[in-house]
Amino acid sequence: MIVKDYLLEEAQYILRYHAFYPQHRDNAGEHLMDERGHELFKAVKFFNQYDL
């Protein structure tokens, strides 16, 4: 909540879900995402190549 006024929505999504490994490995969260969630998760996948 602290950063929501200062970061883009994509950056907020990355902070929230970058360690959501079940989604990265097995798409375990697919049933919980709407169309916008799928779009935002593309940013998470892009970021993960630089995460570790």
Protein backbone atom coordinates (compact mmCIF):
# COMPACT_ATOMS: atom_id res chain seq x y z
CA MET A 1 0.00 0.00 0.00
CA ILE A 2 2.93 2.33 0.66
CA VAL A 3 4.15 2.35 -2.95
CA LYS A 4 0.83 2.31 -4.79
CA ASP A 5 0.88 6.06 -5.40
CA TYR A 6 4.47 6.02 -6.65
CA LEU A 7 4.86 2.92 -8.87
CA LEU A 8 3.26 1.87 -12.12
CA GLU A 9 0.65 -0.86 -11.86
CA GLU A 10 3.05 -3.29 -13.57
CA ALA A 11 5.76 -2.60 -10.97
CA GLN A 12 3.28 -3.15 -8.16
CA TYR A 13 2.26 -6.47 -9.70
CA ILE A 14 5.92 -7.50 -9.99
CA LEU A 15 6.50 -6.76 -6.31
CA ARG A 16 3.40 -8.68 -5.34
CA TYR A 17 3.85 -11.79 -7.52
CA HIS A 18 7.54 -12.18 -8.42
CA ALA A 19 7.88 -15.04 -5.90
CA PHE A 20 4.59 -16.76 -6.79
CA TYR A 21 6.41 -19.86 -8.00
CA PRO A 22 3.35 -22.12 -8.42
CA GLN A 23 2.18 -19.75 -11.17
CA HIS A 24 5.62 -19.61 -12.79
CA ARG A 25 6.08 -23.38 -12.79
CA ASP A 26 2.61 -24.85 -13.12
CA ASN A 27 0.25 -21.98 -13.98
CA ALA A 28 -1.47 -22.79 -10.69
CA GLY A 29 -3.08 -19.35 -10.45
CA GLU A 30 -4.61 -19.25 -13.94
CA HIS A 31 -8.13 -19.79 -12.63
CA LEU A 32 -7.77 -16.75 -10.36
CA MET A 33 -6.69 -14.29 -13.06
CA ASP A 34 -8.80 -12.12 -15.27
CA GLU A 35 -7.64 -10.71 -18.60
CA ARG A 36 -5.84 -7.80 -16.90
CA GLY A 37 -4.05 -10.21 -14.55
CA HIS A 38 -2.73 -12.17 -17.52
CA GLU A 39 -1.45 -8.96 -19.11
CA LEU A 40 0.25 -7.84 -15.90
CA PHE A 41 1.82 -11.25 -15.31
CA LYS A 42 3.74 -10.80 -18.55
CA ALA A 43 5.70 -8.07 -16.75
CA VAL A 44 6.40 -10.49 -13.89
CA LYS A 45 7.73 -13.11 -16.30
CA PHE A 46 9.92 -10.51 -17.99
CA PHE A 47 11.28 -9.31 -14.64
CA ASN A 48 12.05 -12.85 -13.42
CA GLN A 49 14.90 -13.25 -15.89
CA TYR A 50 16.68 -10.49 -13.93
CA ASP A 51 15.40 -11.44 -10.47
CA LEU A 52 18.02 -14.00 -9.52
